[in-house]
Amino acid sequence: MHVKMTTLMGISSSQAYKFLHRSKQLFSYKCFSSSLESPSIVFSNHHLLAVNKPAGWHSVPNTPKTKGKSLPSISTSSKKCLLSYLKSQNLGGGSDNQFLLPLHRLDQPCTGLLLFAKNSKAASRITKEWKLKRVQKTYLCAIEKRHLEALQQNSSKS
């Protein structure tokens, strides 16, 4: 998989990503609000579903792990799970419209296009293309100027 790293004012997107994950308390993420923006369907056919994931949604169910074992999902995380939401809307494939396999993930605070397979054949074909590095992903980090200044100060210290 080819990942194109975008540089913004001398800071690579990997530095921005690390900083954002270490410094969530500095930012007012939309995802921490009580209401979530609805996802929108960008493309759908019998094989694939492409969804514009708004900030705040988990790509897949958020199940805590301890010592390598998954625990049952707790709290209201399923209410913020995009996969669960799409299945509840019968947007999947198969005879009961419930087959949906996420082909990648986006972090909860991130927005972007998420691709789901609606059948196992589509999932295996797309996974094969990614393993053969025929897919290019581009990430862009956009932040407010005041947060950029904090990022620049933090990165100069490390």
N, C-alpha and C. Protein backbone atom coordinates (compact mmCIF):
# COMPACT_ATOMS: atom_id res chain seq x y z
N MET A 1 0.85 -1.16 0.00
CA MET A 1 0.00 0.00 0.00
C MET A 1 0.90 1.23 0.00
N HIS A 2 0.63 2.15 -0.88
CA HIS A 2 1.39 3.39 -0.94
C HIS A 2 0.65 4.45 -0.15
N VAL A 3 1.30 5.05 0.80
CA VAL A 3 0.70 6.12 1.58
C VAL A 3 1.45 7.40 1.27
N LYS A 4 0.75 8.37 0.75
CA LYS A 4 1.36 9.66 0.41
C LYS A 4 1.30 10.54 1.65
N MET A 5 2.45 10.94 2.16
CA MET A 5 2.51 11.79 3.34
C MET A 5 2.48 13.25 2.89
N THR A 6 1.54 13.99 3.37
CA THR A 6 1.40 15.40 3.03
C THR A 6 2.08 16.24 4.10
N THR A 7 2.85 17.23 3.68
CA THR A 7 3.52 18.10 4.63
C THR A 7 2.78 19.43 4.67
N LEU A 8 2.55 19.93 5.88
CA LEU A 8 1.86 21.18 6.08
C LEU A 8 2.77 22.07 6.91
N MET A 9 3.27 23.13 6.31
CA MET A 9 4.15 24.09 6.98
C MET A 9 5.30 23.39 7.70
N GLY A 10 5.94 22.46 7.03
CA GLY A 10 7.12 21.80 7.57
C GLY A 10 6.84 20.67 8.54
N ILE A 11 5.58 20.30 8.74
CA ILE A 11 5.24 19.22 9.66
C ILE A 11 4.60 18.10 8.86
N SER A 12 5.17 16.91 8.96
CA SER A 12 4.61 15.79 8.21
C SER A 12 3.30 15.36 8.84
N SER A 13 2.47 14.69 8.06
CA SER A 13 1.19 14.25 8.59
C SER A 13 1.38 13.20 9.67
N SER A 14 2.48 12.44 9.63
CA SER A 14 2.71 11.46 10.71
C SER A 14 3.00 12.17 12.02
N GLN A 15 3.74 13.30 11.97
CA GLN A 15 3.98 14.08 13.18
C GLN A 15 2.68 14.67 13.71
N ALA A 16 1.85 15.17 12.79
CA ALA A 16 0.56 15.75 13.19
C ALA A 16 -0.32 14.68 13.82
N TYR A 17 -0.34 13.50 13.22
CA TYR A 17 -1.15 12.39 13.75
C TYR A 17 -0.72 12.03 15.17
N LYS A 18 0.58 11.88 15.38
CA LYS A 18 1.09 11.53 16.71
C LYS A 18 0.75 12.62 17.72
N PHE A 19 0.92 13.86 17.31
CA PHE A 19 0.63 14.97 18.21
C PHE A 19 -0.85 15.00 18.58
N LEU A 20 -1.71 14.84 17.58
CA LEU A 20 -3.15 14.88 17.83
C LEU A 20 -3.58 13.78 18.78
N HIS A 21 -3.01 12.60 18.63
CA HIS A 21 -3.39 11.49 19.51
C HIS A 21 -2.85 11.68 20.93
N ARG A 22 -1.70 12.36 21.07
CA ARG A 22 -1.15 12.62 22.40
C ARG A 22 -1.85 13.80 23.06
N SER A 23 -2.45 14.68 22.28
CA SER A 23 -2.94 15.94 22.81
C SER A 23 -4.43 16.15 22.60
N LYS A 24 -5.23 15.11 22.71
CA LYS A 24 -6.66 15.25 22.47
C LYS A 24 -7.30 16.29 23.38
N GLN A 25 -6.75 16.49 24.57
CA GLN A 25 -7.35 17.44 25.49
C GLN A 25 -7.22 18.88 24.98
N LEU A 26 -6.31 19.15 24.05
CA LEU A 26 -6.15 20.51 23.53
C LEU A 26 -7.19 20.88 22.49
N PHE A 27 -7.84 19.89 21.93
CA PHE A 27 -8.70 20.12 20.79
C PHE A 27 -10.16 19.88 21.12
N SER A 28 -11.02 20.65 20.50
CA SER A 28 -12.45 20.46 20.70
C SER A 28 -12.99 19.66 19.51
N TYR A 29 -12.81 18.36 19.56
CA TYR A 29 -13.27 17.50 18.48
C TYR A 29 -14.79 17.49 18.42
N LYS A 30 -15.31 17.51 17.22
CA LYS A 30 -16.73 17.42 17.01
C LYS A 30 -17.25 16.07 17.52
N CYS A 31 -16.40 15.06 17.53
CA CYS A 31 -16.84 13.72 17.89
C CYS A 31 -17.24 13.59 19.35
N PHE A 32 -16.88 14.55 20.18
CA PHE A 32 -17.22 14.45 21.59
C PHE A 32 -18.56 15.11 21.90
N SER A 33 -19.22 15.63 20.87
CA SER A 33 -20.54 16.21 21.10
C SER A 33 -21.57 15.10 21.20
N SER A 34 -22.75 15.41 21.75
CA SER A 34 -23.76 14.38 21.95
C SER A 34 -24.47 14.00 20.67
N SER A 35 -24.51 14.89 19.67
CA SER A 35 -25.19 14.55 18.42
C SER A 35 -24.16 14.31 17.32
N LEU A 36 -24.42 13.29 16.53
CA LEU A 36 -23.52 12.94 15.45
C LEU A 36 -24.13 13.31 14.11
N GLU A 37 -23.29 13.79 13.21
CA GLU A 37 -23.72 14.04 11.85
C GLU A 37 -23.99 12.70 11.18
N SER A 38 -25.01 12.63 10.35
CA SER A 38 -25.35 11.38 9.67
C SER A 38 -24.35 11.09 8.56
N PRO A 39 -23.97 9.82 8.41
CA PRO A 39 -23.09 9.45 7.29
C PRO A 39 -23.88 9.53 5.99
N SER A 40 -23.16 9.75 4.89
CA SER A 40 -23.83 9.80 3.59
C SER A 40 -23.26 8.72 2.67
N ILE A 41 -24.12 8.14 1.88
CA ILE A 41 -23.73 7.10 0.93
C ILE A 41 -23.20 7.80 -0.32
N VAL A 42 -21.97 7.46 -0.69
CA VAL A 42 -21.33 8.05 -1.86
C VAL A 42 -21.52 7.15 -3.07
N PHE A 43 -21.47 5.82 -2.84
CA PHE A 43 -21.60 4.84 -3.92
C PHE A 43 -22.13 3.54 -3.33
N SER A 44 -22.98 2.87 -4.09
CA SER A 44 -23.47 1.56 -3.66
C SER A 44 -23.88 0.75 -4.88
N ASN A 45 -23.45 -0.51 -4.90
CA ASN A 45 -23.94 -1.47 -5.88
C ASN A 45 -24.04 -2.83 -5.19
N HIS A 46 -24.11 -3.92 -5.93
CA HIS A 46 -24.26 -5.24 -5.32
C HIS A 46 -22.98 -5.71 -4.62
N HIS A 47 -21.86 -5.06 -4.89
CA HIS A 47 -20.57 -5.52 -4.38
C HIS A 47 -19.96 -4.60 -3.33
N LEU A 48 -20.14 -3.29 -3.49
CA LEU A 48 -19.45 -2.31 -2.64
C LEU A 48 -20.38 -1.23 -2.11
N LEU A 49 -19.97 -0.68 -0.97
CA LEU A 49 -20.64 0.46 -0.38
C LEU A 49 -19.56 1.45 0.04
N ALA A 50 -19.63 2.67 -0.46
CA ALA A 50 -18.70 3.73 -0.07
C ALA A 50 -19.48 4.77 0.72
N VAL A 51 -18.99 5.07 1.92
CA VAL A 51 -19.70 5.95 2.83
C VAL A 51 -18.78 7.09 3.27
N ASN A 52 -19.32 8.30 3.30
CA ASN A 52 -18.60 9.44 3.84
C ASN A 52 -18.80 9.42 5.36
N LYS A 53 -17.74 9.06 6.11
CA LYS A 53 -17.82 8.93 7.56
C LYS A 53 -17.57 10.28 8.22
N PRO A 54 -18.58 10.80 8.93
CA PRO A 54 -18.36 12.04 9.68
C PRO A 54 -17.52 11.77 10.93
N ALA A 55 -16.96 12.81 11.50
CA ALA A 55 -16.22 12.69 12.75
C ALA A 55 -17.15 12.20 13.85
N GLY A 56 -16.60 11.40 14.75
CA GLY A 56 -17.36 10.92 15.90
C GLY A 56 -17.83 9.49 15.79
N TRP A 57 -17.90 8.96 14.59
CA TRP A 57 -18.33 7.58 14.39
C TRP A 57 -17.13 6.64 14.49
N HIS A 58 -17.32 5.50 15.14
CA HIS A 58 -16.32 4.43 15.09
C HIS A 58 -16.54 3.69 13.77
N SER A 59 -15.47 3.27 13.12
CA SER A 59 -15.61 2.51 11.88
C SER A 59 -16.21 1.13 12.15
N VAL A 60 -15.75 0.51 13.22
CA VAL A 60 -16.22 -0.83 13.63
C VAL A 60 -16.57 -0.77 15.11
N PRO A 61 -17.29 -1.78 15.63
CA PRO A 61 -17.64 -1.74 17.06
C PRO A 61 -16.41 -1.57 17.94
N ASN A 62 -16.54 -0.74 18.94
CA ASN A 62 -15.45 -0.45 19.87
C ASN A 62 -15.54 -1.41 21.04
N THR A 63 -14.74 -2.48 21.00
CA THR A 63 -14.76 -3.46 22.08
C THR A 63 -13.43 -3.41 22.82
N PRO A 64 -13.46 -3.10 24.11
CA PRO A 64 -12.22 -3.05 24.89
C PRO A 64 -11.56 -4.43 24.97
N LYS A 65 -10.25 -4.44 25.06
CA LYS A 65 -9.51 -5.70 25.17
C LYS A 65 -8.70 -5.71 26.46
N THR A 66 -8.64 -6.87 27.08
CA THR A 66 -7.76 -7.05 28.23
C THR A 66 -7.06 -8.39 28.06
N LYS A 67 -5.76 -8.36 28.17
CA LYS A 67 -4.93 -9.56 28.07
C LYS A 67 -5.28 -10.39 26.83
N GLY A 68 -5.46 -9.70 25.69
CA GLY A 68 -5.68 -10.38 24.43
C GLY A 68 -7.09 -10.90 24.22
N LYS A 69 -8.00 -10.68 25.17
CA LYS A 69 -9.37 -11.16 25.03
C LYS A 69 -10.31 -9.97 24.88
N SER A 70 -11.22 -10.06 23.92
CA SER A 70 -12.20 -9.00 23.75
C SER A 70 -13.29 -9.15 24.79
N LEU A 71 -13.69 -8.02 25.34
CA LEU A 71 -14.81 -7.99 26.27
C LEU A 71 -16.05 -7.56 25.51
N PRO A 72 -17.22 -7.88 26.02
CA PRO A 72 -18.44 -7.40 25.36
C PRO A 72 -18.43 -5.89 25.31
N SER A 73 -19.01 -5.35 24.25
CA SER A 73 -19.06 -3.90 24.10
C SER A 73 -19.82 -3.28 25.25
N ILE A 74 -19.28 -2.18 25.76
CA ILE A 74 -19.93 -1.52 26.88
C ILE A 74 -20.38 -0.13 26.49
N SER A 75 -21.15 0.50 27.31
CA SER A 75 -21.68 1.85 27.14
C SER A 75 -22.49 1.98 25.86
N THR A 76 -22.45 3.15 25.26
CA THR A 76 -23.27 3.40 24.08
C THR A 76 -22.42 3.41 22.81
N SER A 77 -21.30 2.69 22.81
CA SER A 77 -20.41 2.75 21.65
C SER A 77 -21.08 2.23 20.39
N SER A 78 -22.05 1.28 20.51
CA SER A 78 -22.72 0.77 19.31
C SER A 78 -23.56 1.86 18.65
N LYS A 79 -24.00 2.85 19.43
CA LYS A 79 -24.75 3.97 18.87
C LYS A 79 -23.86 4.81 17.98
N LYS A 80 -22.55 4.77 18.19
CA LYS A 80 -21.60 5.55 17.42
C LYS A 80 -20.81 4.68 16.44
N CYS A 81 -21.27 3.45 16.21
CA CYS A 81 -20.56 2.54 15.31
C CYS A 81 -21.18 2.60 13.92
N LEU A 82 -20.39 3.00 12.95
CA LEU A 82 -20.87 3.14 11.58
C LEU A 82 -21.31 1.80 11.01
N LEU A 83 -20.56 0.74 11.26
CA LEU A 83 -20.91 -0.58 10.74
C LEU A 83 -22.29 -1.01 11.26
N SER A 84 -22.52 -0.86 12.56
CA SER A 84 -23.82 -1.22 13.14
C SER A 84 -24.94 -0.38 12.55
N TYR A 85 -24.66 0.91 12.39
CA TYR A 85 -25.67 1.81 11.83
C TYR A 85 -26.04 1.40 10.40
N LEU A 86 -25.04 1.12 9.57
CA LEU A 86 -25.31 0.75 8.17
C LEU A 86 -26.10 -0.55 8.09
N LYS A 87 -25.76 -1.51 8.97
CA LYS A 87 -26.52 -2.76 9.00
C LYS A 87 -27.96 -2.52 9.43
N SER A 88 -28.15 -1.63 10.38
CA SER A 88 -29.52 -1.33 10.83
C SER A 88 -30.35 -0.68 9.74
N GLN A 89 -29.69 -0.06 8.77
CA GLN A 89 -30.37 0.56 7.64
C GLN A 89 -30.52 -0.40 6.45
N ASN A 90 -30.12 -1.67 6.67
CA ASN A 90 -30.19 -2.71 5.62
C ASN A 90 -29.44 -2.31 4.35
N LEU A 91 -28.24 -1.77 4.53
CA LEU A 91 -27.43 -1.31 3.40
C LEU A 91 -26.39 -2.34 2.97
N GLY A 92 -26.38 -3.50 3.60
CA GLY A 92 -25.40 -4.53 3.28
C GLY A 92 -25.84 -5.40 2.11
N GLY A 93 -25.08 -6.46 1.92
CA GLY A 93 -25.39 -7.40 0.85
C GLY A 93 -25.93 -8.69 1.42
N GLY A 94 -26.10 -9.66 0.56
CA GLY A 94 -26.63 -10.95 0.99
C GLY A 94 -28.15 -10.95 1.01
N SER A 95 -28.72 -12.09 1.33
CA SER A 95 -30.18 -12.23 1.28
C SER A 95 -30.90 -11.37 2.31
N ASP A 96 -30.23 -11.09 3.43
CA ASP A 96 -30.87 -10.27 4.47
C ASP A 96 -30.28 -8.86 4.56
N ASN A 97 -29.49 -8.47 3.57
CA ASN A 97 -28.86 -7.14 3.51
C ASN A 97 -28.02 -6.83 4.74
N GLN A 98 -27.40 -7.85 5.33
CA GLN A 98 -26.61 -7.65 6.55
C GLN A 98 -25.12 -7.90 6.35
N PHE A 99 -24.70 -8.39 5.17
CA PHE A 99 -23.27 -8.65 4.96
C PHE A 99 -22.58 -7.33 4.62
N LEU A 100 -21.76 -6.88 5.54
CA LEU A 100 -20.92 -5.70 5.32
C LEU A 100 -19.58 -5.95 5.98
N LEU A 101 -18.53 -5.87 5.22
CA LEU A 101 -17.20 -6.07 5.74
C LEU A 101 -16.39 -4.80 5.50
N PRO A 102 -15.98 -4.10 6.58
CA PRO A 102 -15.16 -2.90 6.38
C PRO A 102 -13.81 -3.29 5.81
N LEU A 103 -13.39 -2.61 4.76
CA LEU A 103 -12.13 -2.94 4.09
C LEU A 103 -10.95 -2.15 4.64
N HIS A 104 -11.23 -1.17 5.48
CA HIS A 104 -10.21 -0.40 6.18
C HIS A 104 -10.93 0.35 7.29
N ARG A 105 -10.20 1.16 8.05
CA ARG A 105 -10.79 1.92 9.14
C ARG A 105 -10.33 3.37 9.10
N LEU A 106 -11.08 4.20 9.74
CA LEU A 106 -10.67 5.59 10.01
C LEU A 106 -10.86 5.82 11.49
N ASP A 107 -9.95 6.54 12.11
CA ASP A 107 -10.08 6.84 13.53
C ASP A 107 -11.35 7.64 13.80
N GLN A 108 -11.85 7.55 15.02
CA GLN A 108 -13.10 8.20 15.39
C GLN A 108 -13.12 9.70 15.09
N PRO A 109 -12.05 10.46 15.40
CA PRO A 109 -12.13 11.90 15.13
C PRO A 109 -11.99 12.27 13.66
N CYS A 110 -11.66 11.30 12.81
CA CYS A 110 -11.40 11.59 11.40
C CYS A 110 -12.65 11.46 10.54
N THR A 111 -12.65 12.22 9.45
CA THR A 111 -13.69 12.09 8.44
C THR A 111 -13.06 11.51 7.19
N GLY A 112 -13.87 10.96 6.33
CA GLY A 112 -13.35 10.45 5.08
C GLY A 112 -14.19 9.34 4.51
N LEU A 113 -13.75 8.83 3.39
CA LEU A 113 -14.46 7.78 2.67
C LEU A 113 -14.09 6.42 3.23
N LEU A 114 -15.11 5.65 3.60
CA LEU A 114 -14.92 4.28 4.08
C LEU A 114 -15.52 3.33 3.06
N LEU A 115 -14.81 2.27 2.77
CA LEU A 115 -15.25 1.29 1.78
C LEU A 115 -15.63 0.00 2.47
N PHE A 116 -16.82 -0.52 2.16
CA PHE A 116 -17.32 -1.78 2.71
C PHE A 116 -17.61 -2.74 1.58
N ALA A 117 -17.27 -4.01 1.78
CA ALA A 117 -17.63 -5.06 0.82
C ALA A 117 -19.00 -5.59 1.19
N LYS A 118 -19.82 -5.86 0.18
CA LYS A 118 -21.15 -6.40 0.41
C LYS A 118 -21.21 -7.91 0.20
N ASN A 119 -20.07 -8.50 -0.19
CA ASN A 119 -19.98 -9.95 -0.32
C ASN A 119 -18.52 -10.37 -0.18
N SER A 120 -18.30 -11.64 0.06
CA SER A 120 -16.94 -12.12 0.33
C SER A 120 -16.06 -12.05 -0.91
N LYS A 121 -16.62 -12.22 -2.08
CA LYS A 121 -15.82 -12.15 -3.32
C LYS A 121 -15.26 -10.74 -3.50
N ALA A 122 -16.08 -9.74 -3.31
CA ALA A 122 -15.61 -8.35 -3.42
C ALA A 122 -14.54 -8.07 -2.37
N ALA A 123 -14.75 -8.56 -1.15
CA ALA A 123 -13.78 -8.34 -0.07
C ALA A 123 -12.43 -8.95 -0.43
N SER A 124 -12.42 -10.18 -0.93
CA SER A 124 -11.14 -10.83 -1.24
C SER A 124 -10.45 -10.16 -2.41
N ARG A 125 -11.20 -9.71 -3.41
CA ARG A 125 -10.58 -9.06 -4.57
C ARG A 125 -9.95 -7.72 -4.18
N ILE A 126 -10.64 -6.94 -3.38
CA ILE A 126 -10.08 -5.64 -2.99
C ILE A 126 -8.91 -5.82 -2.04
N THR A 127 -9.02 -6.75 -1.11
CA THR A 127 -7.91 -7.04 -0.19
C THR A 127 -6.67 -7.46 -0.98
N LYS A 128 -6.86 -8.26 -2.01
CA LYS A 128 -5.73 -8.70 -2.86
C LYS A 128 -5.07 -7.50 -3.54
N GLU A 129 -5.87 -6.57 -4.05
CA GLU A 129 -5.31 -5.37 -4.70
C GLU A 129 -4.48 -4.56 -3.71
N TRP A 130 -4.94 -4.45 -2.48
CA TRP A 130 -4.19 -3.70 -1.48
C TRP A 130 -2.90 -4.41 -1.11
N LYS A 131 -2.95 -5.73 -1.01
CA LYS A 131 -1.74 -6.49 -0.70
C LYS A 131 -0.71 -6.39 -1.82
N LEU A 132 -1.19 -6.29 -3.06
CA LEU A 132 -0.29 -6.14 -4.22
C LEU A 132 0.15 -4.69 -4.41
N LYS A 133 -0.24 -3.81 -3.48
CA LYS A 133 0.15 -2.39 -3.48
C LYS A 133 -0.29 -1.67 -4.75
N ARG A 134 -1.51 -1.96 -5.19
CA ARG A 134 -2.08 -1.29 -6.36
C ARG A 134 -3.04 -0.16 -5.96
N VAL A 135 -3.08 0.12 -4.66
CA VAL A 135 -3.97 1.17 -4.14
C VAL A 135 -3.11 2.24 -3.49
N GLN A 136 -3.44 3.47 -3.75
CA GLN A 136 -2.73 4.58 -3.10
C GLN A 136 -3.72 5.30 -2.20
N LYS A 137 -3.33 5.49 -0.95
CA LYS A 137 -4.15 6.25 -0.02
C LYS A 137 -3.46 7.58 0.22
N THR A 138 -4.25 8.64 0.27
CA THR A 138 -3.72 9.96 0.56
C THR A 138 -4.40 10.49 1.81
N TYR A 139 -3.62 10.94 2.76
CA TYR A 139 -4.14 11.50 4.00
C TYR A 139 -3.83 12.99 4.03
N LEU A 140 -4.78 13.77 4.45
CA LEU A 140 -4.60 15.20 4.58
C LEU A 140 -5.05 15.59 5.97
N CYS A 141 -4.21 16.30 6.66
CA CYS A 141 -4.53 16.77 8.00
C CYS A 141 -4.77 18.27 7.93
N ALA A 142 -5.96 18.70 8.29
CA ALA A 142 -6.29 20.12 8.31
C ALA A 142 -6.63 20.51 9.75
N ILE A 143 -5.89 21.49 10.26
CA ILE A 143 -6.13 21.94 11.63
C ILE A 143 -6.13 23.46 11.67
N GLU A 144 -6.73 24.01 12.72
CA GLU A 144 -6.78 25.45 12.88
C GLU A 144 -5.37 25.98 13.18
N LYS A 145 -5.15 27.25 12.83
CA LYS A 145 -3.82 27.85 12.99
C LYS A 145 -3.32 27.78 14.43
N ARG A 146 -4.19 28.02 15.41
CA ARG A 146 -3.75 27.99 16.81
C ARG A 146 -3.28 26.60 17.21
N HIS A 147 -3.88 25.57 16.64
CA HIS A 147 -3.44 24.21 16.93
C HIS A 147 -2.15 23.88 16.18
N LEU A 148 -2.00 24.47 14.99
CA LEU A 148 -0.78 24.28 14.22
C LEU A 148 0.41 24.85 14.96
N GLU A 149 0.23 26.02 15.57
CA GLU A 149 1.31 26.64 16.33
C GLU A 149 1.71 25.76 17.51
N ALA A 150 0.73 25.18 18.20
CA ALA A 150 1.02 24.26 19.31
C ALA A 150 1.75 23.02 18.80
N LEU A 151 1.35 22.55 17.62
CA LEU A 151 2.01 21.40 17.01
C LEU A 151 3.46 21.72 16.66
N GLN A 152 3.69 22.90 16.10
CA GLN A 152 5.04 23.28 15.74
C GLN A 152 5.92 23.42 16.98
N GLN A 153 5.39 23.99 18.05
CA GLN A 153 6.15 24.11 19.29
C GLN A 153 6.48 22.75 19.87
N ASN A 154 5.52 21.86 19.84
CA ASN A 154 5.72 20.51 20.38
C ASN A 154 6.74 19.74 19.56
N SER A 155 6.66 19.84 18.22
CA SER A 155 7.59 19.07 17.38
C SER A 155 9.01 19.61 17.46
N SER A 156 9.17 20.90 17.75
CA SER A 156 10.52 21.46 17.87
C SER A 156 11.20 20.99 19.15
N LYS A 157 10.39 20.60 20.15
CA LYS A 157 10.95 20.10 21.42
C LYS A 157 11.43 18.66 21.30
N SER A 158 10.86 17.90 20.34
CA SER A 158 11.24 16.49 20.24
C SER A 158 12.27 16.23 19.18
